[in-house]
Amino acid sequence: MQTTTVTYRYQRSASGLTVGAHLFGFLAIILMLVWLLHYRGGLDYDSDNSDRVFNVHPFLMFFGFIFFAGEAMMAYKTVLSAHKVQKYVHAMFHLIALCSGIFGICAVFKYHDMNNIGDMNSLHSWIGLSTFILYCLQWVLGFATFLFPRASERTAIRIVPWHMSGGRALLYLSICAALTGLTQKSTFLGVEHMLSHRELNLINFTGLSILLFGIFVDLSVALARYV
């Protein structure tokens, strides 16, 4: 019986979907900065103004965490390079995302302490912290399996589909956390009569850009290889 071996090759270094992902990612960063700097008074982790401390949280959780996690996925799947280089860039970007997430989470806990607000009381916080914990476990497992001390080739091959699927699921979970966070903040500001119609539209467009960034990242990763 003759067996047919299907080989895959990279058609190009970056697909049009990857370009689209970057456009929506940069758009979300710009819109978020306009929101935080123009409407919300700026960002400062060490400020005595609790609102400026809080603003560090959404910025780092998107730009530092979600954006770099997406970059890590696209760097591995869509950029033509040596496999070893892809793995190290992939791990480095994920590590940047992980460190940014730590500081972003610390910022919101600090904000709660400054205002005597209870922690982990919302759906956003449940999804966000659970996603981050799973993300840390994913990174540690991936590092131990594929970089150091490295699993056997047979074990690594068996883990790869789970690692990839888990990464894509975590990307959507992190985007879900971001969107619920933006909704929660806009609702709170609306209740406090501190939200204009223009700012509300800006928040909505920011959330939409984050969602489209995630969709384009996922599509570019899924369709990065062509027969």
C-alpha atoms as a PDB file:
ATOM      1  CA  MET A   1       0.000   0.000   0.000  1.00  0.00           C
ATOM      2  CA  GLN A   2       1.479   3.318  -1.029  1.00  0.00           C
ATOM      3  CA  THR A   3       1.403   6.129   1.503  1.00  0.00           C
ATOM      4  CA  THR A   4       1.302   9.775   0.550  1.00  0.00           C
ATOM      5  CA  THR A   5       3.293  12.236   2.582  1.00  0.00           C
ATOM      6  CA  VAL A   6       1.966  15.792   2.658  1.00  0.00           C
ATOM      7  CA  THR A   7       4.622  18.413   3.233  1.00  0.00           C
ATOM      8  CA  TYR A   8       3.904  21.979   4.226  1.00  0.00           C
ATOM      9  CA  ARG A   9       5.814  25.067   3.299  1.00  0.00           C
ATOM     10  CA  TYR A  10       5.510  28.698   4.170  1.00  0.00           C
ATOM     11  CA  GLN A  11       3.946  30.548   1.256  1.00  0.00           C
ATOM     12  CA  ARG A  12       5.198  33.913   2.489  1.00  0.00           C
ATOM     13  CA  SER A  13       6.658  35.431   5.614  1.00  0.00           C
ATOM     14  CA  ALA A  14       3.465  37.165   6.715  1.00  0.00           C
ATOM     15  CA  SER A  15      -0.045  36.722   5.362  1.00  0.00           C
ATOM     16  CA  GLY A  16      -2.554  39.486   4.729  1.00  0.00           C
ATOM     17  CA  LEU A  17      -4.415  38.316   7.826  1.00  0.00           C
ATOM     18  CA  THR A  18      -1.322  39.008   9.919  1.00  0.00           C
ATOM     19  CA  VAL A  19      -1.174  42.526   8.500  1.00  0.00           C
ATOM     20  CA  GLY A  20      -4.834  42.947   9.420  1.00  0.00           C
ATOM     21  CA  ALA A  21      -4.147  41.726  12.944  1.00  0.00           C
ATOM     22  CA  HIS A  22      -1.410  44.337  13.367  1.00  0.00           C
ATOM     23  CA  LEU A  23      -3.641  47.106  12.026  1.00  0.00           C
ATOM     24  CA  PHE A  24      -6.412  46.302  14.503  1.00  0.00           C
ATOM     25  CA  GLY A  25      -3.884  45.800  17.298  1.00  0.00           C
ATOM     26  CA  PHE A  26      -2.256  49.183  16.776  1.00  0.00           C
ATOM     27  CA  LEU A  27      -5.673  50.804  16.377  1.00  0.00           C
ATOM     28  CA  ALA A  28      -6.769  49.375  19.727  1.00  0.00           C
ATOM     29  CA  ILE A  29      -3.577  50.666  21.385  1.00  0.00           C
ATOM     30  CA  ILE A  30      -4.110  54.163  19.965  1.00  0.00           C
ATOM     31  CA  LEU A  31      -7.774  54.269  20.972  1.00  0.00           C
ATOM     32  CA  MET A  32      -6.979  53.023  24.459  1.00  0.00           C
ATOM     33  CA  LEU A  33      -4.254  55.633  24.921  1.00  0.00           C
ATOM     34  CA  VAL A  34      -6.639  58.374  23.773  1.00  0.00           C
ATOM     35  CA  TRP A  35      -9.197  57.117  26.280  1.00  0.00           C
ATOM     36  CA  LEU A  36      -6.789  56.808  29.204  1.00  0.00           C
ATOM     37  CA  LEU A  37      -4.760  59.956  28.561  1.00  0.00           C
ATOM     38  CA  HIS A  38      -7.443  62.330  27.302  1.00  0.00           C
ATOM     39  CA  TYR A  39     -10.553  61.206  29.171  1.00  0.00           C
ATOM     40  CA  ARG A  40      -9.231  59.387  32.244  1.00  0.00           C
ATOM     41  CA  GLY A  41      -6.302  61.580  33.328  1.00  0.00           C
ATOM     42  CA  GLY A  42      -3.276  59.450  32.415  1.00  0.00           C
ATOM     43  CA  LEU A  43      -1.364  56.477  33.784  1.00  0.00           C
ATOM     44  CA  ASP A  44       0.893  56.376  36.837  1.00  0.00           C
ATOM     45  CA  TYR A  45       1.422  53.273  38.972  1.00  0.00           C
ATOM     46  CA  ASP A  46       2.991  55.297  41.811  1.00  0.00           C
ATOM     47  CA  SER A  47       0.436  58.112  41.785  1.00  0.00           C
ATOM     48  CA  ASP A  48      -1.631  59.140  44.807  1.00  0.00           C
ATOM     49  CA  ASN A  49      -4.565  59.397  42.406  1.00  0.00           C
ATOM     50  CA  SER A  50      -6.170  55.962  42.413  1.00  0.00           C
ATOM     51  CA  ASP A  51      -7.754  56.492  38.998  1.00  0.00           C
ATOM     52  CA  ARG A  52      -4.334  56.964  37.391  1.00  0.00           C
ATOM     53  CA  VAL A  53      -3.136  53.819  39.130  1.00  0.00           C
ATOM     54  CA  PHE A  54      -6.127  51.915  37.770  1.00  0.00           C
ATOM     55  CA  ASN A  55      -5.449  53.122  34.227  1.00  0.00           C
ATOM     56  CA  VAL A  56      -2.216  51.128  34.228  1.00  0.00           C
ATOM     57  CA  HIS A  57      -4.350  47.975  34.393  1.00  0.00           C
ATOM     58  CA  PRO A  58      -6.251  48.145  31.072  1.00  0.00           C
ATOM     59  CA  PHE A  59      -3.201  49.428  29.218  1.00  0.00           C
ATOM     60  CA  LEU A  60      -0.852  46.675  30.375  1.00  0.00           C
ATOM     61  CA  MET A  61      -3.479  43.959  30.089  1.00  0.00           C
ATOM     62  CA  PHE A  62      -4.010  44.779  26.432  1.00  0.00           C
ATOM     63  CA  PHE A  63      -0.733  46.185  25.117  1.00  0.00           C
ATOM     64  CA  GLY A  64       1.483  44.189  27.445  1.00  0.00           C
ATOM     65  CA  PHE A  65      -0.520  40.990  27.745  1.00  0.00           C
ATOM     66  CA  ILE A  66      -2.990  40.399  24.886  1.00  0.00           C
ATOM     67  CA  PHE A  67      -1.038  42.199  22.167  1.00  0.00           C
ATOM     68  CA  PHE A  68       2.278  40.492  22.922  1.00  0.00           C
ATOM     69  CA  ALA A  69       0.577  37.112  23.326  1.00  0.00           C
ATOM     70  CA  GLY A  70      -0.844  37.569  19.832  1.00  0.00           C
ATOM     71  CA  GLU A  71       2.562  38.662  18.551  1.00  0.00           C
ATOM     72  CA  ALA A  72       4.105  35.526  20.038  1.00  0.00           C
ATOM     73  CA  MET A  73       1.620  33.320  18.237  1.00  0.00           C
ATOM     74  CA  MET A  74       2.073  35.075  14.901  1.00  0.00           C
ATOM     75  CA  ALA A  75       5.873  35.183  15.218  1.00  0.00           C
ATOM     76  CA  TYR A  76       5.954  31.405  15.512  1.00  0.00           C
ATOM     77  CA  LYS A  77       3.444  30.576  12.807  1.00  0.00           C
ATOM     78  CA  THR A  78       3.681  33.284  10.140  1.00  0.00           C
ATOM     79  CA  VAL A  79       7.293  34.516  10.077  1.00  0.00           C
ATOM     80  CA  LEU A  80       9.692  32.519   7.933  1.00  0.00           C
ATOM     81  CA  SER A  81      12.783  31.805  10.031  1.00  0.00           C
ATOM     82  CA  ALA A  82      14.824  28.995  11.549  1.00  0.00           C
ATOM     83  CA  HIS A  83      12.685  26.833  13.823  1.00  0.00           C
ATOM     84  CA  LYS A  84      14.952  27.457  16.810  1.00  0.00           C
ATOM     85  CA  VAL A  85      14.697  31.215  16.316  1.00  0.00           C
ATOM     86  CA  GLN A  86      10.911  30.959  16.076  1.00  0.00           C
ATOM     87  CA  LYS A  87      10.731  29.052  19.348  1.00  0.00           C
ATOM     88  CA  TYR A  88      12.889  31.523  21.274  1.00  0.00           C
ATOM     89  CA  VAL A  89      11.071  34.591  19.908  1.00  0.00           C
ATOM     90  CA  HIS A  90       7.757  32.885  20.666  1.00  0.00           C
ATOM     91  CA  ALA A  91       8.816  32.189  24.268  1.00  0.00           C
ATOM     92  CA  MET A  92      10.292  35.690  24.741  1.00  0.00           C
ATOM     93  CA  PHE A  93       7.120  37.475  23.573  1.00  0.00           C
ATOM     94  CA  HIS A  94       5.021  35.276  25.833  1.00  0.00           C
ATOM     95  CA  LEU A  95       7.343  36.071  28.736  1.00  0.00           C
ATOM     96  CA  ILE A  96       6.899  39.814  28.080  1.00  0.00           C
ATOM     97  CA  ALA A  97       3.142  39.263  28.087  1.00  0.00           C
ATOM     98  CA  LEU A  98       3.358  37.321  31.338  1.00  0.00           C
ATOM     99  CA  CYS A  99       5.424  40.004  33.115  1.00  0.00           C
ATOM    100  CA  SER A 100       3.133  42.768  31.841  1.00  0.00           C
ATOM    101  CA  GLY A 101       0.131  40.821  33.088  1.00  0.00           C
ATOM    102  CA  ILE A 102       1.646  40.589  36.564  1.00  0.00           C
ATOM    103  CA  PHE A 103       2.109  44.366  36.763  1.00  0.00           C
ATOM    104  CA  GLY A 104      -1.336  44.967  35.272  1.00  0.00           C
ATOM    105  CA  ILE A 105      -3.013  42.756  37.868  1.00  0.00           C
ATOM    106  CA  CYS A 106      -0.990  44.364  40.674  1.00  0.00           C
ATOM    107  CA  ALA A 107      -2.234  47.768  39.508  1.00  0.00           C
ATOM    108  CA  VAL A 108      -5.906  46.851  39.857  1.00  0.00           C
ATOM    109  CA  PHE A 109      -5.354  45.256  43.276  1.00  0.00           C
ATOM    110  CA  LYS A 110      -3.543  48.420  44.371  1.00  0.00           C
ATOM    111  CA  TYR A 111      -6.480  50.496  43.110  1.00  0.00           C
ATOM    112  CA  HIS A 112      -8.868  48.356  45.157  1.00  0.00           C
ATOM    113  CA  ASP A 113      -6.742  48.802  48.279  1.00  0.00           C
ATOM    114  CA  MET A 114      -6.606  52.570  47.801  1.00  0.00           C
ATOM    115  CA  ASN A 115     -10.427  52.730  47.586  1.00  0.00           C
ATOM    116  CA  ASN A 116     -11.314  49.953  50.036  1.00  0.00           C
ATOM    117  CA  ILE A 117     -12.957  47.914  47.287  1.00  0.00           C
ATOM    118  CA  GLY A 118     -13.282  44.155  47.597  1.00  0.00           C
ATOM    119  CA  ASP A 119     -11.305  41.942  45.226  1.00  0.00           C
ATOM    120  CA  MET A 120     -12.616  39.279  42.852  1.00  0.00           C
ATOM    121  CA  ASN A 121     -16.260  40.327  42.978  1.00  0.00           C
ATOM    122  CA  SER A 122     -17.037  40.488  39.256  1.00  0.00           C
ATOM    123  CA  LEU A 123     -17.284  38.113  36.307  1.00  0.00           C
ATOM    124  CA  HIS A 124     -14.482  40.111  34.683  1.00  0.00           C
ATOM    125  CA  SER A 125     -12.130  39.430  37.586  1.00  0.00           C
ATOM    126  CA  TRP A 126     -12.997  35.724  37.633  1.00  0.00           C
ATOM    127  CA  ILE A 127     -12.377  35.297  33.916  1.00  0.00           C
ATOM    128  CA  GLY A 128      -9.281  37.512  33.954  1.00  0.00           C
ATOM    129  CA  LEU A 129      -7.433  35.919  36.861  1.00  0.00           C
ATOM    130  CA  SER A 130      -8.355  32.372  35.799  1.00  0.00           C
ATOM    131  CA  THR A 131      -7.083  33.114  32.289  1.00  0.00           C
ATOM    132  CA  PHE A 132      -3.831  34.533  33.611  1.00  0.00           C
ATOM    133  CA  ILE A 133      -3.194  31.535  35.882  1.00  0.00           C
ATOM    134  CA  LEU A 134      -3.828  29.153  32.987  1.00  0.00           C
ATOM    135  CA  TYR A 135      -1.567  31.291  30.799  1.00  0.00           C
ATOM    136  CA  CYS A 136       1.271  30.960  33.327  1.00  0.00           C
ATOM    137  CA  LEU A 137       0.812  27.189  33.439  1.00  0.00           C
ATOM    138  CA  GLN A 138       0.765  27.067  29.633  1.00  0.00           C
ATOM    139  CA  TRP A 139       4.033  29.008  29.448  1.00  0.00           C
ATOM    140  CA  VAL A 140       5.794  26.862  32.063  1.00  0.00           C
ATOM    141  CA  LEU A 141       4.632  23.629  30.412  1.00  0.00           C
ATOM    142  CA  GLY A 142       5.662  24.885  26.979  1.00  0.00           C
ATOM    143  CA  PHE A 143       9.070  26.010  28.195  1.00  0.00           C
ATOM    144  CA  ALA A 144       9.752  22.695  29.925  1.00  0.00           C
ATOM    145  CA  THR A 145       8.533  20.674  26.950  1.00  0.00           C
ATOM    146  CA  PHE A 146      10.072  22.532  24.020  1.00  0.00           C
ATOM    147  CA  LEU A 147      13.045  24.504  25.400  1.00  0.00           C
ATOM    148  CA  PHE A 148      14.471  23.284  28.720  1.00  0.00           C
ATOM    149  CA  PRO A 149      14.891  20.574  29.833  1.00  0.00           C
ATOM    150  CA  ARG A 150      12.825  19.466  26.787  1.00  0.00           C
ATOM    151  CA  ALA A 151      10.657  16.398  26.503  1.00  0.00           C
ATOM    152  CA  SER A 152      11.347  13.510  24.181  1.00  0.00           C
ATOM    153  CA  GLU A 153      10.415  14.018  20.545  1.00  0.00           C
ATOM    154  CA  ARG A 154       7.506  11.596  20.836  1.00  0.00           C
ATOM    155  CA  THR A 155       6.107  13.406  23.880  1.00  0.00           C
ATOM    156  CA  ALA A 156       6.580  16.822  22.281  1.00  0.00           C
ATOM    157  CA  ILE A 157       4.700  15.728  19.154  1.00  0.00           C
ATOM    158  CA  ARG A 158       1.797  14.565  21.301  1.00  0.00           C
ATOM    159  CA  ILE A 159       1.716  17.819  23.279  1.00  0.00           C
ATOM    160  CA  VAL A 160       1.951  20.205  20.295  1.00  0.00           C
ATOM    161  CA  PRO A 161      -1.777  20.061  19.304  1.00  0.00           C
ATOM    162  CA  TRP A 162      -2.829  20.645  22.911  1.00  0.00           C
ATOM    163  CA  HIS A 163      -0.329  23.476  23.282  1.00  0.00           C
ATOM    164  CA  MET A 164      -1.536  25.207  20.129  1.00  0.00           C
ATOM    165  CA  SER A 165      -5.231  24.741  20.885  1.00  0.00           C
ATOM    166  CA  GLY A 166      -4.716  25.890  24.456  1.00  0.00           C
ATOM    167  CA  GLY A 167      -2.918  29.019  23.277  1.00  0.00           C
ATOM    168  CA  ARG A 168      -5.735  29.948  20.915  1.00  0.00           C
ATOM    169  CA  ALA A 169      -8.338  29.308  23.614  1.00  0.00           C
ATOM    170  CA  LEU A 170      -6.410  31.488  26.073  1.00  0.00           C
ATOM    171  CA  LEU A 171      -6.255  34.284  23.516  1.00  0.00           C
ATOM    172  CA  TYR A 172     -10.042  34.318  23.273  1.00  0.00           C
ATOM    173  CA  LEU A 173     -10.409  34.055  27.047  1.00  0.00           C
ATOM    174  CA  SER A 174      -8.128  37.065  27.505  1.00  0.00           C
ATOM    175  CA  ILE A 175     -10.157  39.026  24.943  1.00  0.00           C
ATOM    176  CA  CYS A 176     -13.334  38.020  26.768  1.00  0.00           C
ATOM    177  CA  ALA A 177     -11.781  39.359  29.968  1.00  0.00           C
ATOM    178  CA  ALA A 178     -10.849  42.610  28.216  1.00  0.00           C
ATOM    179  CA  LEU A 179     -14.343  43.134  26.811  1.00  0.00           C
ATOM    180  CA  THR A 180     -16.075  42.382  30.106  1.00  0.00           C
ATOM    181  CA  GLY A 181     -13.632  44.749  31.801  1.00  0.00           C
ATOM    182  CA  LEU A 182     -14.396  47.578  29.389  1.00  0.00           C
ATOM    183  CA  THR A 183     -18.134  46.942  29.794  1.00  0.00           C
ATOM    184  CA  GLN A 184     -17.828  46.941  33.572  1.00  0.00           C
ATOM    185  CA  LYS A 185     -15.839  50.188  33.595  1.00  0.00           C
ATOM    186  CA  SER A 186     -18.169  51.970  31.159  1.00  0.00           C
ATOM    187  CA  THR A 187     -21.192  50.858  33.204  1.00  0.00           C
ATOM    188  CA  PHE A 188     -19.607  52.150  36.408  1.00  0.00           C
ATOM    189  CA  LEU A 189     -18.724  55.486  34.816  1.00  0.00           C
ATOM    190  CA  GLY A 190     -22.241  55.759  33.422  1.00  0.00           C
ATOM    191  CA  VAL A 191     -23.799  55.151  36.821  1.00  0.00           C
ATOM    192  CA  GLU A 192     -21.526  57.823  38.276  1.00  0.00           C
ATOM    193  CA  HIS A 193     -22.539  60.221  35.461  1.00  0.00           C
ATOM    194  CA  MET A 194     -18.890  60.544  34.457  1.00  0.00           C
ATOM    195  CA  LEU A 195     -19.256  59.161  30.939  1.00  0.00           C
ATOM    196  CA  SER A 196     -20.025  61.236  27.865  1.00  0.00           C
ATOM    197  CA  HIS A 197     -21.539  59.787  24.701  1.00  0.00           C
ATOM    198  CA  ARG A 198     -18.271  60.454  22.863  1.00  0.00           C
ATOM    199  CA  GLU A 199     -16.232  58.571  25.477  1.00  0.00           C
ATOM    200  CA  LEU A 200     -18.693  55.679  25.412  1.00  0.00           C
ATOM    201  CA  ASN A 201     -18.281  55.385  21.642  1.00  0.00           C
ATOM    202  CA  LEU A 202     -14.499  55.462  22.071  1.00  0.00           C
ATOM    203  CA  ILE A 203     -14.661  52.604  24.590  1.00  0.00           C
ATOM    204  CA  ASN A 204     -16.919  50.606  22.258  1.00  0.00           C
ATOM    205  CA  PHE A 205     -14.603  51.076  19.280  1.00  0.00           C
ATOM    206  CA  THR A 206     -11.652  50.085  21.465  1.00  0.00           C
ATOM    207  CA  GLY A 207     -13.402  46.869  22.456  1.00  0.00           C
ATOM    208  CA  LEU A 208     -14.339  46.129  18.858  1.00  0.00           C
ATOM    209  CA  SER A 209     -10.732  46.656  17.747  1.00  0.00           C
ATOM    210  CA  ILE A 210      -9.494  44.276  20.456  1.00  0.00           C
ATOM    211  CA  LEU A 211     -11.994  41.630  19.339  1.00  0.00           C
ATOM    212  CA  LEU A 212     -11.004  41.982  15.674  1.00  0.00           C
ATOM    213  CA  PHE A 213      -7.330  41.802  16.643  1.00  0.00           C
ATOM    214  CA  GLY A 214      -7.952  38.466  18.320  1.00  0.00           C
ATOM    215  CA  ILE A 215      -9.981  37.104  15.408  1.00  0.00           C
ATOM    216  CA  PHE A 216      -7.320  38.085  12.867  1.00  0.00           C
ATOM    217  CA  VAL A 217      -4.538  36.650  15.030  1.00  0.00           C
ATOM    218  CA  ASP A 218      -6.399  33.358  15.314  1.00  0.00           C
ATOM    219  CA  LEU A 219      -7.120  33.210  11.578  1.00  0.00           C
ATOM    220  CA  SER A 220      -3.542  34.077  10.657  1.00  0.00           C
ATOM    221  CA  VAL A 221      -2.237  31.341  12.955  1.00  0.00           C
ATOM    222  CA  ALA A 222      -4.756  28.789  11.661  1.00  0.00           C
ATOM    223  CA  LEU A 223      -4.068  29.586   7.990  1.00  0.00           C
ATOM    224  CA  ALA A 224      -0.350  30.372   8.222  1.00  0.00           C
ATOM    225  CA  ARG A 225       0.686  27.226   6.359  1.00  0.00           C
ATOM    226  CA  TYR A 226      -0.386  26.306   2.890  1.00  0.00           C
ATOM    227  CA  VAL A 227       0.000  22.980   1.122  1.00  0.00           C
END
